Amino acid sequence: MASPFEVTIEEHGGAVHARLGGELDISTAPRLEESLLRVEADGPALLVIDLSGLDFMDSTGLRLLISADTRAREAGRRLVLVQGNDMVQRVLRLTRLDERLEIVADPGDLAVA
């Protein structure tokens, strides 16, 4: 049985943190996209997407992250991913998205960045 997908959105002074849990795939991606578009409408300077709670992410999830990054760049905002588990990181490495997207190991690192 697939693990349920969850999106938790929190705001911290100008930054929005979206924490993901479960499986991000073709069936759950529309929920994340809807949440991100709603958050982006407020124009946060920094959007953090935390992948550390994901058990699985497929190409639909990758496409969604690329779209969010493109929208952030076009709007002059910053999008940062918090690194996921080995499987998630492997997908990012294989697609070379780890070279295109800003990824941190720990959300605490953002205060310094």
PDB file of N, CA and C in Angstrom:
ATOM      1  N   MET A   1       0.839  -1.195   0.000  1.00  0.00           N
ATOM      2  CA  MET A   1       0.000   0.000   0.000  1.00  0.00           C
ATOM      3  C   MET A   1       0.882   1.257   0.000  1.00  0.00           C
ATOM      4  N   ALA A   2       0.508   2.212  -0.810  1.00  0.00           N
ATOM      5  CA  ALA A   2       1.277   3.457  -0.908  1.00  0.00           C
ATOM      6  C   ALA A   2       1.111   4.281   0.366  1.00  0.00           C
ATOM      7  N   SER A   3       2.186   4.935   0.753  1.00  0.00           N
ATOM      8  CA  SER A   3       2.064   5.791   1.928  1.00  0.00           C
ATOM      9  C   SER A   3       1.335   7.063   1.513  1.00  0.00           C
ATOM     10  N   PRO A   4       0.512   7.605   2.402  1.00  0.00           N
ATOM     11  CA  PRO A   4      -0.245   8.803   2.053  1.00  0.00           C
ATOM     12  C   PRO A   4       0.692   9.984   1.821  1.00  0.00           C
ATOM     13  N   PHE A   5       0.248  10.919   1.005  1.00  0.00           N
ATOM     14  CA  PHE A   5       1.057  12.094   0.706  1.00  0.00           C
ATOM     15  C   PHE A   5       0.574  13.255   1.557  1.00  0.00           C
ATOM     16  N   GLU A   6       1.506  13.995   2.107  1.00  0.00           N
ATOM     17  CA  GLU A   6       1.146  15.144   2.935  1.00  0.00           C
ATOM     18  C   GLU A   6       1.962  16.364   2.534  1.00  0.00           C
ATOM     19  N   VAL A   7       1.335  17.529   2.591  1.00  0.00           N
ATOM     20  CA  VAL A   7       2.027  18.802   2.394  1.00  0.00           C
ATOM     21  C   VAL A   7       1.689  19.662   3.603  1.00  0.00           C
ATOM     22  N   THR A   8       2.712  20.123   4.302  1.00  0.00           N
ATOM     23  CA  THR A   8       2.509  21.022   5.436  1.00  0.00           C
ATOM     24  C   THR A   8       3.177  22.341   5.091  1.00  0.00           C
ATOM     25  N   ILE A   9       2.417  23.419   5.120  1.00  0.00           N
ATOM     26  CA  ILE A   9       2.948  24.740   4.775  1.00  0.00           C
ATOM     27  C   ILE A   9       3.057  25.583   6.042  1.00  0.00           C
ATOM     28  N   GLU A  10       4.242  26.150   6.266  1.00  0.00           N
ATOM     29  CA  GLU A  10       4.452  27.047   7.404  1.00  0.00           C
ATOM     30  C   GLU A  10       5.152  28.301   6.912  1.00  0.00           C
ATOM     31  N   GLU A  11       4.787  29.427   7.496  1.00  0.00           N
ATOM     32  CA  GLU A  11       5.461  30.677   7.128  1.00  0.00           C
ATOM     33  C   GLU A  11       6.345  31.126   8.276  1.00  0.00           C
ATOM     34  N   HIS A  12       7.561  31.546   7.928  1.00  0.00           N
ATOM     35  CA  HIS A  12       8.521  32.046   8.918  1.00  0.00           C
ATOM     36  C   HIS A  12       9.093  33.349   8.387  1.00  0.00           C
ATOM     37  N   GLY A  13       8.525  34.461   8.759  1.00  0.00           N
ATOM     38  CA  GLY A  13       9.041  35.777   8.389  1.00  0.00           C
ATOM     39  C   GLY A  13       9.550  35.910   6.959  1.00  0.00           C
ATOM     40  N   GLY A  14       8.656  35.984   5.997  1.00  0.00           N
ATOM     41  CA  GLY A  14       9.065  36.191   4.608  1.00  0.00           C
ATOM     42  C   GLY A  14       9.442  34.921   3.872  1.00  0.00           C
ATOM     43  N   ALA A  15       9.633  33.832   4.614  1.00  0.00           N
ATOM     44  CA  ALA A  15       9.967  32.553   3.978  1.00  0.00           C
ATOM     45  C   ALA A  15       8.812  31.580   4.186  1.00  0.00           C
ATOM     46  N   VAL A  16       8.559  30.779   3.179  1.00  0.00           N
ATOM     47  CA  VAL A  16       7.525  29.758   3.296  1.00  0.00           C
ATOM     48  C   VAL A  16       8.195  28.395   3.212  1.00  0.00           C
ATOM     49  N   HIS A  17       7.867  27.525   4.166  1.00  0.00           N
ATOM     50  CA  HIS A  17       8.413  26.166   4.196  1.00  0.00           C
ATOM     51  C   HIS A  17       7.300  25.190   3.848  1.00  0.00           C
ATOM     52  N   ALA A  18       7.523  24.401   2.800  1.00  0.00           N
ATOM     53  CA  ALA A  18       6.578  23.345   2.433  1.00  0.00           C
ATOM     54  C   ALA A  18       7.255  22.018   2.762  1.00  0.00           C
ATOM     55  N   ARG A  19       6.713  21.324   3.752  1.00  0.00           N
ATOM     56  CA  ARG A  19       7.271  20.030   4.159  1.00  0.00           C
ATOM     57  C   ARG A  19       6.452  18.934   3.503  1.00  0.00           C
ATOM     58  N   LEU A  20       7.140  18.032   2.783  1.00  0.00           N
ATOM     59  CA  LEU A  20       6.460  16.954   2.079  1.00  0.00           C
ATOM     60  C   LEU A  20       6.674  15.640   2.789  1.00  0.00           C
ATOM     61  N   GLY A  21       5.666  14.784   2.743  1.00  0.00           N
ATOM     62  CA  GLY A  21       5.775  13.459   3.339  1.00  0.00           C
ATOM     63  C   GLY A  21       5.053  12.436   2.489  1.00  0.00           C
ATOM     64  N   GLY A  22       5.526  11.201   2.512  1.00  0.00           N
ATOM     65  CA  GLY A  22       4.873  10.136   1.760  1.00  0.00           C
ATOM     66  C   GLY A  22       5.433   9.997   0.356  1.00  0.00           C
ATOM     67  N   GLU A  23       4.529   9.793  -0.610  1.00  0.00           N
ATOM     68  CA  GLU A  23       4.948   9.554  -1.986  1.00  0.00           C
ATOM     69  C   GLU A  23       4.479  10.663  -2.914  1.00  0.00           C
ATOM     70  N   LEU A  24       5.443  11.280  -3.603  1.00  0.00           N
ATOM     71  CA  LEU A  24       5.133  12.324  -4.580  1.00  0.00           C
ATOM     72  C   LEU A  24       5.192  11.679  -5.954  1.00  0.00           C
ATOM     73  N   ASP A  25       4.012  11.466  -6.544  1.00  0.00           N
ATOM     74  CA  ASP A  25       3.956  10.822  -7.852  1.00  0.00           C
ATOM     75  C   ASP A  25       2.816  11.417  -8.670  1.00  0.00           C
ATOM     76  N   ILE A  26       2.498  10.780  -9.783  1.00  0.00           N
ATOM     77  CA  ILE A  26       1.503  11.332 -10.695  1.00  0.00           C
ATOM     78  C   ILE A  26       0.137  11.527 -10.032  1.00  0.00           C
ATOM     79  N   SER A  27      -0.178  10.696  -9.044  1.00  0.00           N
ATOM     80  CA  SER A  27      -1.489  10.820  -8.404  1.00  0.00           C
ATOM     81  C   SER A  27      -1.522  11.896  -7.313  1.00  0.00           C
ATOM     82  N   THR A  28      -0.371  12.225  -6.733  1.00  0.00           N
ATOM     83  CA  THR A  28      -0.345  13.202  -5.635  1.00  0.00           C
ATOM     84  C   THR A  28       0.212  14.565  -6.054  1.00  0.00           C
ATOM     85  N   ALA A  29       0.895  14.612  -7.187  1.00  0.00           N
ATOM     86  CA  ALA A  29       1.528  15.863  -7.636  1.00  0.00           C
ATOM     87  C   ALA A  29       0.558  17.038  -7.766  1.00  0.00           C
ATOM     88  N   PRO A  30      -0.674  16.831  -8.268  1.00  0.00           N
ATOM     89  CA  PRO A  30      -1.593  17.975  -8.381  1.00  0.00           C
ATOM     90  C   PRO A  30      -1.850  18.669  -7.042  1.00  0.00           C
ATOM     91  N   ARG A  31      -1.881  17.902  -5.944  1.00  0.00           N
ATOM     92  CA  ARG A  31      -2.076  18.520  -4.625  1.00  0.00           C
ATOM     93  C   ARG A  31      -0.920  19.427  -4.268  1.00  0.00           C
ATOM     94  N   LEU A  32       0.310  18.977  -4.554  1.00  0.00           N
ATOM     95  CA  LEU A  32       1.476  19.806  -4.248  1.00  0.00           C
ATOM     96  C   LEU A  32       1.488  21.037  -5.140  1.00  0.00           C
ATOM     97  N   GLU A  33       1.207  20.837  -6.421  1.00  0.00           N
ATOM     98  CA  GLU A  33       1.228  21.974  -7.343  1.00  0.00           C
ATOM     99  C   GLU A  33       0.229  23.049  -6.920  1.00  0.00           C
ATOM    100  N   GLU A  34      -0.948  22.620  -6.523  1.00  0.00           N
ATOM    101  CA  GLU A  34      -1.982  23.544  -6.060  1.00  0.00           C
ATOM    102  C   GLU A  34      -1.495  24.321  -4.834  1.00  0.00           C
ATOM    103  N   SER A  35      -0.886  23.614  -3.887  1.00  0.00           N
ATOM    104  CA  SER A  35      -0.359  24.260  -2.676  1.00  0.00           C
ATOM    105  C   SER A  35       0.735  25.267  -3.018  1.00  0.00           C
ATOM    106  N   LEU A  36       1.659  24.876  -3.913  1.00  0.00           N
ATOM    107  CA  LEU A  36       2.763  25.772  -4.277  1.00  0.00           C
ATOM    108  C   LEU A  36       2.250  27.020  -4.979  1.00  0.00           C
ATOM    109  N   LEU A  37       1.310  26.862  -5.903  1.00  0.00           N
ATOM    110  CA  LEU A  37       0.786  28.024  -6.631  1.00  0.00           C
ATOM    111  C   LEU A  37       0.077  28.977  -5.675  1.00  0.00           C
ATOM    112  N   ARG A  38      -0.635  28.426  -4.702  1.00  0.00           N
ATOM    113  CA  ARG A  38      -1.333  29.260  -3.718  1.00  0.00           C
ATOM    114  C   ARG A  38      -0.310  30.052  -2.899  1.00  0.00           C
ATOM    115  N   VAL A  39       0.754  29.378  -2.457  1.00  0.00           N
ATOM    116  CA  VAL A  39       1.809  30.022  -1.662  1.00  0.00           C
ATOM    117  C   VAL A  39       2.547  31.069  -2.494  1.00  0.00           C
ATOM    118  N   GLU A  40       2.879  30.728  -3.745  1.00  0.00           N
ATOM    119  CA  GLU A  40       3.632  31.635  -4.611  1.00  0.00           C
ATOM    120  C   GLU A  40       2.856  32.908  -4.912  1.00  0.00           C
ATOM    121  N   ALA A  41       1.528  32.829  -4.880  1.00  0.00           N
ATOM    122  CA  ALA A  41       0.694  34.001  -5.161  1.00  0.00           C
ATOM    123  C   ALA A  41       0.968  35.127  -4.166  1.00  0.00           C
ATOM    124  N   ASP A  42       1.416  34.763  -2.952  1.00  0.00           N
ATOM    125  CA  ASP A  42       1.742  35.773  -1.929  1.00  0.00           C
ATOM    126  C   ASP A  42       3.134  36.360  -2.124  1.00  0.00           C
ATOM    127  N   GLY A  43       3.900  35.809  -3.072  1.00  0.00           N
ATOM    128  CA  GLY A  43       5.218  36.348  -3.400  1.00  0.00           C
ATOM    129  C   GLY A  43       6.270  36.254  -2.311  1.00  0.00           C
ATOM    130  N   PRO A  44       6.427  35.086  -1.646  1.00  0.00           N
ATOM    131  CA  PRO A  44       7.476  34.989  -0.619  1.00  0.00           C
ATOM    132  C   PRO A  44       8.865  35.122  -1.247  1.00  0.00           C
ATOM    133  N   ALA A  45       9.772  35.792  -0.540  1.00  0.00           N
ATOM    134  CA  ALA A  45      11.139  35.965  -1.052  1.00  0.00           C
ATOM    135  C   ALA A  45      11.857  34.628  -1.131  1.00  0.00           C
ATOM    136  N   LEU A  46      11.511  33.721  -0.215  1.00  0.00           N
ATOM    137  CA  LEU A  46      12.168  32.418  -0.143  1.00  0.00           C
ATOM    138  C   LEU A  46      11.112  31.330   0.013  1.00  0.00           C
ATOM    139  N   LEU A  47      11.199  30.328  -0.838  1.00  0.00           N
ATOM    140  CA  LEU A  47      10.324  29.166  -0.735  1.00  0.00           C
ATOM    141  C   LEU A  47      11.212  27.951  -0.506  1.00  0.00           C
ATOM    142  N   VAL A  48      10.983  27.268   0.605  1.00  0.00           N
ATOM    143  CA  VAL A  48      11.761  26.082   0.948  1.00  0.00           C
ATOM    144  C   VAL A  48      10.862  24.866   0.782  1.00  0.00           C
ATOM    145  N   ILE A  49      11.302  23.906  -0.012  1.00  0.00           N
ATOM    146  CA  ILE A  49      10.554  22.666  -0.175  1.00  0.00           C
ATOM    147  C   ILE A  49      11.381  21.558   0.463  1.00  0.00           C
ATOM    148  N   ASP A  50      10.841  21.006   1.540  1.00  0.00           N
ATOM    149  CA  ASP A  50      11.562  19.999   2.325  1.00  0.00           C
ATOM    150  C   ASP A  50      11.191  18.603   1.824  1.00  0.00           C
ATOM    151  N   LEU A  51      12.172  17.940   1.206  1.00  0.00           N
ATOM    152  CA  LEU A  51      11.958  16.605   0.639  1.00  0.00           C
ATOM    153  C   LEU A  51      12.296  15.497   1.629  1.00  0.00           C
ATOM    154  N   SER A  52      12.756  15.852   2.827  1.00  0.00           N
ATOM    155  CA  SER A  52      13.277  14.845   3.758  1.00  0.00           C
ATOM    156  C   SER A  52      12.228  13.847   4.239  1.00  0.00           C
ATOM    157  N   GLY A  53      10.949  14.204   4.143  1.00  0.00           N
ATOM    158  CA  GLY A  53       9.902  13.280   4.588  1.00  0.00           C
ATOM    159  C   GLY A  53       9.347  12.401   3.477  1.00  0.00           C
ATOM    160  N   LEU A  54       9.857  12.574   2.259  1.00  0.00           N
ATOM    161  CA  LEU A  54       9.358  11.771   1.140  1.00  0.00           C
ATOM    162  C   LEU A  54       9.914  10.354   1.185  1.00  0.00           C
ATOM    163  N   ASP A  55       9.045   9.385   0.890  1.00  0.00           N
ATOM    164  CA  ASP A  55       9.478   7.997   0.759  1.00  0.00           C
ATOM    165  C   ASP A  55       9.811   7.708  -0.701  1.00  0.00           C
ATOM    166  N   PHE A  56       9.159   8.451  -1.601  1.00  0.00           N
ATOM    167  CA  PHE A  56       9.296   8.175  -3.030  1.00  0.00           C
ATOM    168  C   PHE A  56       8.973   9.429  -3.819  1.00  0.00           C
ATOM    169  N   MET A  57       9.673   9.610  -4.957  1.00  0.00           N
ATOM    170  CA  MET A  57       9.347  10.700  -5.869  1.00  0.00           C
ATOM    171  C   MET A  57       9.604  10.215  -7.290  1.00  0.00           C
ATOM    172  N   ASP A  58       8.622  10.399  -8.178  1.00  0.00           N
ATOM    173  CA  ASP A  58       8.807   9.987  -9.569  1.00  0.00           C
ATOM    174  C   ASP A  58       9.054  11.205 -10.461  1.00  0.00           C
ATOM    175  N   SER A  59       9.052  10.990 -11.764  1.00  0.00           N
ATOM    176  CA  SER A  59       9.364  12.070 -12.709  1.00  0.00           C
ATOM    177  C   SER A  59       8.338  13.194 -12.656  1.00  0.00           C
ATOM    178  N   THR A  60       7.108  12.880 -12.261  1.00  0.00           N
ATOM    179  CA  THR A  60       6.092  13.926 -12.124  1.00  0.00           C
ATOM    180  C   THR A  60       6.514  14.910 -11.038  1.00  0.00           C
ATOM    181  N   GLY A  61       7.031  14.371  -9.936  1.00  0.00           N
ATOM    182  CA  GLY A  61       7.517  15.215  -8.841  1.00  0.00           C
ATOM    183  C   GLY A  61       8.690  16.066  -9.283  1.00  0.00           C
ATOM    184  N   LEU A  62       9.590  15.474 -10.076  1.00  0.00           N
ATOM    185  CA  LEU A  62      10.738  16.225 -10.596  1.00  0.00           C
ATOM    186  C   LEU A  62      10.275  17.388 -11.464  1.00  0.00           C
ATOM    187  N   ARG A  63       9.330  17.097 -12.339  1.00  0.00           N
ATOM    188  CA  ARG A  63       8.824  18.137 -13.244  1.00  0.00           C
ATOM    189  C   ARG A  63       8.215  19.283 -12.438  1.00  0.00           C
ATOM    190  N   LEU A  64       7.519  18.929 -11.376  1.00  0.00           N
ATOM    191  CA  LEU A  64       6.892  19.931 -10.526  1.00  0.00           C
ATOM    192  C   LEU A  64       7.935  20.819  -9.846  1.00  0.00           C
ATOM    193  N   LEU A  65       9.036  20.210  -9.370  1.00  0.00           N
ATOM    194  CA  LEU A  65      10.106  20.985  -8.730  1.00  0.00           C
ATOM    195  C   LEU A  65      10.784  21.909  -9.743  1.00  0.00           C
ATOM    196  N   ILE A  66      10.984  21.413 -10.977  1.00  0.00           N
ATOM    197  CA  ILE A  66      11.596  22.240 -12.025  1.00  0.00           C
ATOM    198  C   ILE A  66      10.694  23.433 -12.332  1.00  0.00           C
ATOM    199  N   SER A  67       9.394  23.190 -12.446  1.00  0.00           N
ATOM    200  CA  SER A  67       8.442  24.275 -12.724  1.00  0.00           C
ATOM    201  C   SER A  67       8.456  25.322 -11.618  1.00  0.00           C
ATOM    202  N   ALA A  68       8.463  24.850 -10.361  1.00  0.00           N
ATOM    203  CA  ALA A  68       8.477  25.780  -9.226  1.00  0.00           C
ATOM    204  C   ALA A  68       9.759  26.604  -9.236  1.00  0.00           C
ATOM    205  N   ASP A  69      10.888  25.962  -9.570  1.00  0.00           N
ATOM    206  CA  ASP A  69      12.170  26.664  -9.630  1.00  0.00           C
ATOM    207  C   ASP A  69      12.156  27.701 -10.750  1.00  0.00           C
ATOM    208  N   THR A  70      11.620  27.335 -11.892  1.00  0.00           N
ATOM    209  CA  THR A  70      11.540  28.261 -13.027  1.00  0.00           C
ATOM    210  C   THR A  70      10.689  29.474 -12.667  1.00  0.00           C
ATOM    211  N   ARG A  71       9.533  29.233 -12.031  1.00  0.00           N
ATOM    212  CA  ARG A  71       8.659  30.351 -11.636  1.00  0.00           C
ATOM    213  C   ARG A  71       9.366  31.253 -10.631  1.00  0.00           C
ATOM    214  N   ALA A  72      10.100  30.651  -9.681  1.00  0.00           N
ATOM    215  CA  ALA A  72      10.816  31.439  -8.672  1.00  0.00           C
ATOM    216  C   ALA A  72      11.877  32.312  -9.341  1.00  0.00           C
ATOM    217  N   ARG A  73      12.648  31.719 -10.254  1.00  0.00           N
ATOM    218  CA  ARG A  73      13.706  32.484 -10.948  1.00  0.00           C
ATOM    219  C   ARG A  73      13.106  33.643 -11.738  1.00  0.00           C
ATOM    220  N   GLU A  74      12.014  33.366 -12.448  1.00  0.00           N
ATOM    221  CA  GLU A  74      11.384  34.418 -13.266  1.00  0.00           C
ATOM    222  C   GLU A  74      10.857  35.553 -12.405  1.00  0.00           C
ATOM    223  N   ALA A  75      10.447  35.237 -11.179  1.00  0.00           N
ATOM    224  CA  ALA A  75       9.897  36.254 -10.282  1.00  0.00           C
ATOM    225  C   ALA A  75      10.967  36.871  -9.386  1.00  0.00           C
ATOM    226  N   GLY A  76      12.240  36.439  -9.558  1.00  0.00           N
ATOM    227  CA  GLY A  76      13.321  36.980  -8.741  1.00  0.00           C
ATOM    228  C   GLY A  76      13.279  36.493  -7.303  1.00  0.00           C
ATOM    229  N   ARG A  77      12.688  35.312  -7.099  1.00  0.00           N
ATOM    230  CA  ARG A  77      12.623  34.740  -5.756  1.00  0.00           C
ATOM    231  C   ARG A  77      13.582  33.557  -5.661  1.00  0.00           C
ATOM    232  N   ARG A  78      13.762  33.073  -4.446  1.00  0.00           N
ATOM    233  CA  ARG A  78      14.697  31.973  -4.211  1.00  0.00           C
ATOM    234  C   ARG A  78      13.925  30.720  -3.828  1.00  0.00           C
ATOM    235  N   LEU A  79      14.254  29.613  -4.480  1.00  0.00           N
ATOM    236  CA  LEU A  79      13.674  28.319  -4.143  1.00  0.00           C
ATOM    237  C   LEU A  79      14.804  27.422  -3.663  1.00  0.00           C
ATOM    238  N   VAL A  80      14.620  26.826  -2.484  1.00  0.00           N
ATOM    239  CA  VAL A  80      15.637  25.938  -1.924  1.00  0.00           C
ATOM    240  C   VAL A  80      14.971  24.619  -1.552  1.00  0.00           C
ATOM    241  N   LEU A  81      15.647  23.528  -1.891  1.00  0.00           N
ATOM    242  CA  LEU A  81      15.160  22.205  -1.497  1.00  0.00           C
ATOM    243  C   LEU A  81      15.963  21.711  -0.302  1.00  0.00           C
ATOM    244  N   VAL A  82      15.273  21.066   0.635  1.00  0.00           N
ATOM    245  CA  VAL A  82      15.968  20.373   1.717  1.00  0.00           C
ATOM    246  C   VAL A  82      16.085  18.931   1.250  1.00  0.00           C
ATOM    247  N   GLN A  83      17.298  18.436   1.273  1.00  0.00           N
ATOM    248  CA  GLN A  83      17.634  17.135   0.709  1.00  0.00           C
ATOM    249  C   GLN A  83      16.737  16.013   1.238  1.00  0.00           C
ATOM    250  N   GLY A  84      16.422  15.087   0.328  1.00  0.00           N
ATOM    251  CA  GLY A  84      15.577  13.952   0.673  1.00  0.00           C
ATOM    252  C   GLY A  84      16.405  12.726   1.004  1.00  0.00           C
ATOM    253  N   ASN A  85      15.736  11.578   1.080  1.00  0.00           N
ATOM    254  CA  ASN A  85      16.430  10.322   1.372  1.00  0.00           C
ATOM    255  C   ASN A  85      17.312   9.910   0.185  1.00  0.00           C
ATOM    256  N   ASP A  86      18.012   8.799   0.310  1.00  0.00           N
ATOM    257  CA  ASP A  86      18.947   8.366  -0.735  1.00  0.00           C
ATOM    258  C   ASP A  86      18.271   8.195  -2.089  1.00  0.00           C
ATOM    259  N   MET A  87      17.071   7.625  -2.096  1.00  0.00           N
ATOM    260  CA  MET A  87      16.356   7.401  -3.348  1.00  0.00           C
ATOM    261  C   MET A  87      16.028   8.729  -4.027  1.00  0.00           C
ATOM    262  N   VAL A  88      15.516   9.678  -3.249  1.00  0.00           N
ATOM    263  CA  VAL A  88      15.159  10.995  -3.795  1.00  0.00           C
ATOM    264  C   VAL A  88      16.411  11.698  -4.322  1.00  0.00           C
ATOM    265  N   GLN A  89      17.496  11.662  -3.542  1.00  0.00           N
ATOM    266  CA  GLN A  89      18.742  12.309  -3.964  1.00  0.00           C
ATOM    267  C   GLN A  89      19.317  11.647  -5.215  1.00  0.00           C
ATOM    268  N   ARG A  90      19.168  10.324  -5.312  1.00  0.00           N
ATOM    269  CA  ARG A  90      19.675   9.597  -6.477  1.00  0.00           C
ATOM    270  C   ARG A  90      18.950  10.056  -7.739  1.00  0.00           C
ATOM    271  N   VAL A  91      17.636  10.230  -7.643  1.00  0.00           N
ATOM    272  CA  VAL A  91      16.848  10.713  -8.786  1.00  0.00           C
ATOM    273  C   VAL A  91      17.319  12.111  -9.192  1.00  0.00           C
ATOM    274  N   LEU A  92      17.580  12.964  -8.205  1.00  0.00           N
ATOM    275  CA  LEU A  92      18.054  14.320  -8.496  1.00  0.00           C
ATOM    276  C   LEU A  92      19.446  14.287  -9.139  1.00  0.00           C
ATOM    277  N   ARG A  93      20.295  13.365  -8.666  1.00  0.00           N
ATOM    278  CA  ARG A  93      21.647  13.230  -9.235  1.00  0.00           C
ATOM    279  C   ARG A  93      21.599  12.704 -10.663  1.00  0.00           C
ATOM    280  N   LEU A  94      20.819  11.636 -10.879  1.00  0.00           N
ATOM    281  CA  LEU A  94      20.747  11.013 -12.205  1.00  0.00           C
ATOM    282  C   LEU A  94      20.232  11.985 -13.265  1.00  0.00           C
ATOM    283  N   THR A  95      19.324  12.867 -12.869  1.00  0.00           N
ATOM    284  CA  THR A  95      18.755  13.838 -13.807  1.00  0.00           C
ATOM    285  C   THR A  95      19.574  15.130 -13.823  1.00  0.00           C
ATOM    286  N   ARG A  96      20.635  15.156 -13.030  1.00  0.00           N
ATOM    287  CA  ARG A  96      21.527  16.313 -12.875  1.00  0.00           C
ATOM    288  C   ARG A  96      20.808  17.549 -12.340  1.00  0.00           C
ATOM    289  N   LEU A  97      19.659  17.328 -11.727  1.00  0.00           N
ATOM    290  CA  LEU A  97      18.941  18.452 -11.130  1.00  0.00           C
ATOM    291  C   LEU A  97      19.641  18.946  -9.881  1.00  0.00           C
ATOM    292  N   ASP A  98      20.483  18.075  -9.286  1.00  0.00           N
ATOM    293  CA  ASP A  98      21.244  18.505  -8.109  1.00  0.00           C
ATOM    294  C   ASP A  98      22.224  19.615  -8.485  1.00  0.00           C
ATOM    295  N   GLU A  99      22.517  19.747  -9.796  1.00  0.00           N
ATOM    296  CA  GLU A  99      23.412  20.814 -10.257  1.00  0.00           C
ATOM    297  C   GLU A  99      22.637  22.091 -10.577  1.00  0.00           C
ATOM    298  N   ARG A 100      21.356  21.946 -10.867  1.00  0.00           N
ATOM    299  CA  ARG A 100      20.551  23.104 -11.258  1.00  0.00           C
ATOM    300  C   ARG A 100      19.819  23.731 -10.074  1.00  0.00           C
ATOM    301  N   LEU A 101      19.348  22.874  -9.153  1.00  0.00           N
ATOM    302  CA  LEU A 101      18.544  23.352  -8.038  1.00  0.00           C
ATOM    303  C   LEU A 101      19.413  23.590  -6.805  1.00  0.00           C
ATOM    304  N   GLU A 102      19.010  24.541  -5.979  1.00  0.00           N
ATOM    305  CA  GLU A 102      19.736  24.794  -4.732  1.00  0.00           C
ATOM    306  C   GLU A 102      19.230  23.812  -3.681  1.00  0.00           C
ATOM    307  N   ILE A 103      20.141  22.973  -3.174  1.00  0.00           N
ATOM    308  CA  ILE A 103      19.762  21.931  -2.219  1.00  0.00           C
ATOM    309  C   ILE A 103      20.628  22.056  -0.973  1.00  0.00           C
ATOM    310  N   VAL A 104      19.995  22.043   0.195  1.00  0.00           N
ATOM    311  CA  VAL A 104      20.733  22.081   1.461  1.00  0.00           C
ATOM    312  C   VAL A 104      20.435  20.803   2.240  1.00  0.00           C
ATOM    313  N   ALA A 105      21.376  20.400   3.090  1.00  0.00           N
ATOM    314  CA  ALA A 105      21.197  19.180   3.885  1.00  0.00           C
ATOM    315  C   ALA A 105      20.275  19.433   5.070  1.00  0.00           C
ATOM    316  N   ASP A 106      20.319  20.646   5.584  1.00  0.00           N
ATOM    317  CA  ASP A 106      19.592  20.952   6.812  1.00  0.00           C
ATOM    318  C   ASP A 106      18.932  22.327   6.666  1.00  0.00           C
ATOM    319  N   PRO A 107      17.630  22.435   6.955  1.00  0.00           N
ATOM    320  CA  PRO A 107      16.975  23.742   6.830  1.00  0.00           C
ATOM    321  C   PRO A 107      17.613  24.806   7.712  1.00  0.00           C
ATOM    322  N   GLY A 108      18.306  24.391   8.763  1.00  0.00           N
ATOM    323  CA  GLY A 108      19.008  25.338   9.633  1.00  0.00           C
ATOM    324  C   GLY A 108      20.121  26.068   8.883  1.00  0.00           C
ATOM    325  N   ASP A 109      20.635  25.442   7.799  1.00  0.00           N
ATOM    326  CA  ASP A 109      21.696  26.057   6.998  1.00  0.00           C
ATOM    327  C   ASP A 109      21.208  27.312   6.268  1.00  0.00           C
ATOM    328  N   LEU A 110      19.899  27.436   6.123  1.00  0.00           N
ATOM    329  CA  LEU A 110      19.351  28.565   5.363  1.00  0.00           C
ATOM    330  C   LEU A 110      19.581  29.897   6.031  1.00  0.00           C
ATOM    331  N   ALA A 111      19.611  29.884   7.358  1.00  0.00           N
ATOM    332  CA  ALA A 111      19.830  31.127   8.085  1.00  0.00           C
ATOM    333  C   ALA A 111      21.144  31.755   7.679  1.00  0.00           C
ATOM    334  N   VAL A 112      22.128  30.918   7.398  1.00  0.00           N
ATOM    335  CA  VAL A 112      23.461  31.398   7.029  1.00  0.00           C
ATOM    336  C   VAL A 112      23.530  31.734   5.549  1.00  0.00           C
ATOM    337  N   ALA A 113      22.819  30.945   4.750  1.00  0.00           N
ATOM    338  CA  ALA A 113      22.911  31.088   3.280  1.00  0.00           C
ATOM    339  C   ALA A 113      22.381  32.413   2.790  1.00  0.00           C
TER     340      ALA A 113
END
